[in-house]
């Protein structure tokens, strides 16, 4: 949304929320946690998910001018997203290499008008068999989000992926489901607040323009 063409009301275009998470295994616990967190977006945002085989990307190499289709789609989604949710399994106390490699592709945005993920709200989810690894992984995800100039949401979810937690594809624990939903709601609320602020700024700029020219809007 550009301030040089101010709308008179809230735009009807839905925000784009991107989800990145999971493992190469389709419907992994981490992927299902990500999809659960995206549920609050239903009907309120356009959602693009990169999970499972979408994450089987070539190792990121700076300076490569030709990217495969999967990498190009990811970079395009990151470039245009209004919000992002990242869900990573905890491998040996940190983010999985698969997720880190996907996020490394954000380096392609360094020279854009919005460099990296500057100002983008980022929800974070860490899934592990134990709490210690989950906590460490969440802290790493926060560091990555800051490095990409994003805004980690106040609440980050740490999930202990016990057997049966996502039986049938949905979360069986109401407390965990609430935690994941809270992450999604905070990302959505932040994108909506940003949109409102931009519309408000555009209205102020338009009013100042009319005042300076002596015209009545």
Protein backbone atom coordinates (compact mmCIF):
# COMPACT_ATOMS: atom_id res chain seq x y z
CA UNK A 1 0.00 0.00 0.00
CA UNK A 2 1.55 3.30 -1.11
CA UNK A 3 0.99 6.65 0.60
CA UNK A 4 1.00 8.49 -2.75
CA UNK A 5 -2.40 7.01 -3.59
CA UNK A 6 -4.31 7.31 -0.31
CA UNK A 7 -7.49 5.27 0.05
CA UNK A 8 -10.48 6.82 1.76
CA UNK A 9 -11.08 3.73 3.87
CA UNK A 10 -9.43 0.50 4.91
CA UNK A 11 -8.25 -1.41 1.82
CA UNK A 12 -10.13 -4.56 0.92
CA UNK A 13 -6.97 -6.40 -0.15
CA UNK A 14 -6.20 -9.13 2.33
CA UNK A 15 -2.72 -9.26 3.86
CA UNK A 16 -0.38 -12.00 2.72
CA UNK A 17 0.77 -14.25 5.56
CA UNK A 18 3.51 -16.75 4.77
CA UNK A 19 4.10 -19.90 6.81
CA UNK A 20 7.42 -21.76 6.74
CA UNK A 21 7.82 -24.92 8.73
CA UNK A 22 7.96 -28.66 9.05
CA UNK A 23 10.25 -31.40 7.87
CA UNK A 24 10.55 -33.26 4.54
CA UNK A 25 7.89 -35.63 5.88
CA UNK A 26 4.44 -34.47 4.86
CA UNK A 27 2.10 -33.70 7.75
CA UNK A 28 4.89 -33.72 10.34
CA UNK A 29 4.04 -32.48 13.83
CA UNK A 30 5.84 -29.20 13.14
CA UNK A 31 3.92 -28.66 9.91
CA UNK A 32 0.63 -29.38 11.65
CA UNK A 33 1.56 -26.95 14.43
CA UNK A 34 2.23 -24.31 11.78
CA UNK A 35 -1.10 -24.93 10.09
CA UNK A 36 -2.88 -24.75 13.44
CA UNK A 37 -1.29 -21.34 14.07
CA UNK A 38 -2.51 -20.16 10.68
CA UNK A 39 -6.13 -21.02 11.45
CA UNK A 40 -6.96 -17.51 12.77
CA UNK A 41 -6.09 -16.20 9.29
CA UNK A 42 -8.93 -18.10 7.66
CA UNK A 43 -11.02 -15.62 5.67
CA UNK A 44 -8.96 -12.67 6.90
CA UNK A 45 -5.68 -13.12 5.02
CA UNK A 46 -4.17 -14.76 2.01
CA UNK A 47 -1.98 -17.62 3.25
CA UNK A 48 0.97 -19.25 1.50
CA UNK A 49 2.58 -22.26 3.21
CA UNK A 50 6.01 -23.73 2.51
CA UNK A 51 6.20 -27.11 4.21
CA UNK A 52 7.12 -30.71 3.52
CA UNK A 53 8.72 -31.12 0.11
CA UNK A 54 8.48 -27.35 -0.50
CA UNK A 55 11.46 -27.07 1.83
CA UNK A 56 13.70 -29.40 -0.18
CA UNK A 57 15.55 -26.48 -1.73
CA UNK A 58 19.12 -26.31 -3.00
CA UNK A 59 21.59 -25.11 -0.40
CA UNK A 60 21.53 -21.34 -0.51
CA UNK A 61 24.42 -19.75 -2.40
CA UNK A 62 24.75 -15.97 -2.62
CA UNK A 63 25.18 -14.46 -6.05
CA UNK A 64 23.40 -17.16 -8.04
CA UNK A 65 21.37 -15.42 -10.74
CA UNK A 66 19.19 -18.39 -11.67
CA UNK A 67 17.06 -20.06 -8.99
CA UNK A 68 14.90 -23.15 -9.26
CA UNK A 69 11.13 -22.67 -9.18
CA UNK A 70 10.75 -23.58 -5.52
CA UNK A 71 13.41 -21.13 -4.35
CA UNK A 72 12.05 -18.38 -6.61
CA UNK A 73 8.53 -18.89 -5.21
CA UNK A 74 9.83 -18.67 -1.65
CA UNK A 75 11.80 -15.50 -2.30
CA UNK A 76 8.79 -13.90 -4.00
CA UNK A 77 6.51 -14.81 -1.09
CA UNK A 78 8.96 -13.37 1.44
CA UNK A 79 9.33 -10.22 -0.63
CA UNK A 80 5.59 -9.55 -0.66
CA UNK A 81 4.47 -10.94 2.71
CA UNK A 82 2.82 -8.78 5.35
CA UNK A 83 3.40 -11.33 8.08
CA UNK A 84 5.33 -14.55 8.60
CA UNK A 85 5.10 -17.59 10.87
CA UNK A 86 8.09 -19.90 11.22
CA UNK A 87 7.82 -23.34 12.82
CA UNK A 88 10.96 -25.41 13.32
CA UNK A 89 11.64 -28.76 14.89
CA UNK A 90 14.44 -28.71 17.45
CA UNK A 91 17.37 -30.73 16.19
CA UNK A 92 20.12 -31.10 18.78
CA UNK A 93 19.02 -27.95 20.56
CA UNK A 94 18.60 -25.64 17.59
CA UNK A 95 16.76 -24.83 14.36
CA UNK A 96 16.77 -27.56 11.73
CA UNK A 97 19.09 -27.12 8.75
CA UNK A 98 16.10 -27.32 6.43
CA UNK A 99 14.38 -24.32 8.02
CA UNK A 100 17.62 -22.36 8.31
CA UNK A 101 18.35 -22.94 4.63
CA UNK A 102 14.89 -21.67 3.66
CA UNK A 103 15.40 -18.55 5.74
CA UNK A 104 18.85 -18.00 4.23
CA UNK A 105 17.07 -17.22 0.95
CA UNK A 106 15.88 -13.97 2.56
CA UNK A 107 19.38 -12.70 1.77
CA UNK A 108 18.05 -12.21 -1.77
CA UNK A 109 15.97 -9.33 -0.38
CA UNK A 110 18.95 -7.33 0.91
CA UNK A 111 18.79 -4.81 -1.92
CA UNK A 112 15.01 -4.43 -2.08
CA UNK A 113 13.07 -1.31 -1.13
CA UNK A 114 12.04 -3.25 1.98
CA UNK A 115 15.33 -4.99 2.83
CA UNK A 116 15.07 -8.49 4.26
CA UNK A 117 11.89 -8.65 6.39
CA UNK A 118 12.11 -5.12 7.71
CA UNK A 119 9.11 -4.36 9.92
CA UNK A 120 7.35 -7.66 9.23
CA UNK A 121 5.65 -9.33 12.22
CA UNK A 122 7.05 -12.84 12.68
CA UNK A 123 5.39 -15.53 14.79
CA UNK A 124 7.66 -18.28 16.05
CA UNK A 125 7.03 -21.91 16.98
CA UNK A 126 9.54 -24.45 18.24
CA UNK A 127 8.63 -28.15 18.43
CA UNK A 128 10.69 -30.68 20.35
CA UNK A 129 10.52 -33.88 22.35
CA UNK A 130 11.73 -32.00 25.43
CA UNK A 131 11.30 -28.52 26.86
CA UNK A 132 14.99 -27.62 26.97
CA UNK A 133 15.52 -28.04 23.23
CA UNK A 134 12.25 -26.23 22.50
CA UNK A 135 13.30 -23.21 24.56
CA UNK A 136 16.73 -23.03 22.97
CA UNK A 137 15.26 -23.30 19.48
CA UNK A 138 12.72 -20.57 20.15
CA UNK A 139 15.54 -18.27 21.33
CA UNK A 140 17.45 -19.01 18.12
CA UNK A 141 14.39 -18.24 16.01
CA UNK A 142 14.00 -14.90 17.78
CA UNK A 143 17.64 -14.07 17.02
CA UNK A 144 17.12 -14.92 13.34
CA UNK A 145 13.95 -12.80 13.19
CA UNK A 146 15.81 -9.83 14.65
CA UNK A 147 18.71 -10.35 12.22
CA UNK A 148 16.21 -10.18 9.35
CA UNK A 149 14.88 -6.90 10.83
CA UNK A 150 11.52 -8.47 11.61
CA UNK A 151 9.33 -8.02 14.68
CA UNK A 152 9.00 -11.29 16.63
CA UNK A 153 5.57 -11.43 18.22
CA UNK A 154 5.49 -11.06 22.00
CA UNK A 155 4.31 -14.65 22.34
CA UNK A 156 6.31 -17.54 20.93
CA UNK A 157 5.03 -21.11 21.21
CA UNK A 158 7.14 -23.99 22.49
CA UNK A 159 5.47 -27.32 21.80
CA UNK A 160 6.39 -30.68 23.27
CA UNK A 161 5.40 -33.05 20.49
CA UNK A 162 4.15 -36.04 22.46
CA UNK A 163 2.67 -38.98 20.53
CA UNK A 164 -0.91 -38.36 19.45
CA UNK A 165 -0.74 -34.57 19.84
CA UNK A 166 -1.82 -34.09 16.23
CA UNK A 167 -3.70 -37.31 15.70
CA UNK A 168 -5.99 -36.96 12.72
CA UNK A 169 -4.27 -33.73 11.68
CA UNK A 170 -5.69 -31.52 14.43
CA UNK A 171 -4.32 -30.61 17.83
CA UNK A 172 -5.83 -32.76 20.58
CA UNK A 173 -4.61 -30.56 23.46
CA UNK A 174 -6.74 -27.41 23.95
CA UNK A 175 -3.91 -25.60 25.75
CA UNK A 176 -1.45 -26.23 22.92
CA UNK A 177 -4.06 -25.26 20.34
CA UNK A 178 -4.64 -22.01 22.24
CA UNK A 179 -0.89 -21.29 22.32
CA UNK A 180 -0.59 -21.81 18.58
CA UNK A 181 -3.68 -19.73 17.91
CA UNK A 182 -2.24 -16.93 20.02
CA UNK A 183 0.84 -16.78 17.79
CA UNK A 184 -1.33 -16.53 14.67
CA UNK A 185 -3.64 -13.92 16.18
CA UNK A 186 -0.73 -11.70 17.18
CA UNK A 187 0.75 -11.83 13.68
CA UNK A 188 -2.65 -11.01 12.15
CA UNK A 189 -3.31 -8.19 14.64
CA UNK A 190 0.08 -6.65 13.92
CA UNK A 191 -0.48 -6.70 10.14
CA UNK A 192 -3.89 -5.13 10.60
CA UNK A 193 -2.44 -2.43 12.87
CA UNK A 194 0.22 -1.63 10.29
CA UNK A 195 -2.41 -1.37 7.56
CA UNK A 196 -4.51 0.97 9.73
CA UNK A 197 -1.48 3.13 10.47
CA UNK A 198 -0.61 3.42 6.77
CA UNK A 199 -4.18 4.38 5.88
CA UNK A 200 -4.20 6.94 8.71
CA UNK A 201 -0.87 8.38 7.56
CA UNK A 202 -2.13 8.62 4.00
CA UNK A 203 -5.23 10.48 5.20
CA UNK A 204 -3.11 12.95 7.18
CA UNK A 205 -0.82 13.51 4.21
CA UNK A 206 -3.82 14.14 1.98
CA UNK A 207 -5.32 16.60 4.48
CA UNK A 208 -2.00 18.47 4.71
CA UNK A 209 -1.83 18.59 0.91
CA UNK A 210 -5.35 20.03 0.67
CA UNK A 211 -4.59 22.57 3.41
CA UNK A 212 -1.39 23.76 1.76
CA UNK A 213 -3.18 24.30 -1.57
CA UNK A 214 -6.21 25.91 0.04
CA UNK A 215 -8.55 23.24 -1.33
CA UNK A 216 -11.37 21.52 0.51
CA UNK A 217 -11.27 17.69 0.34
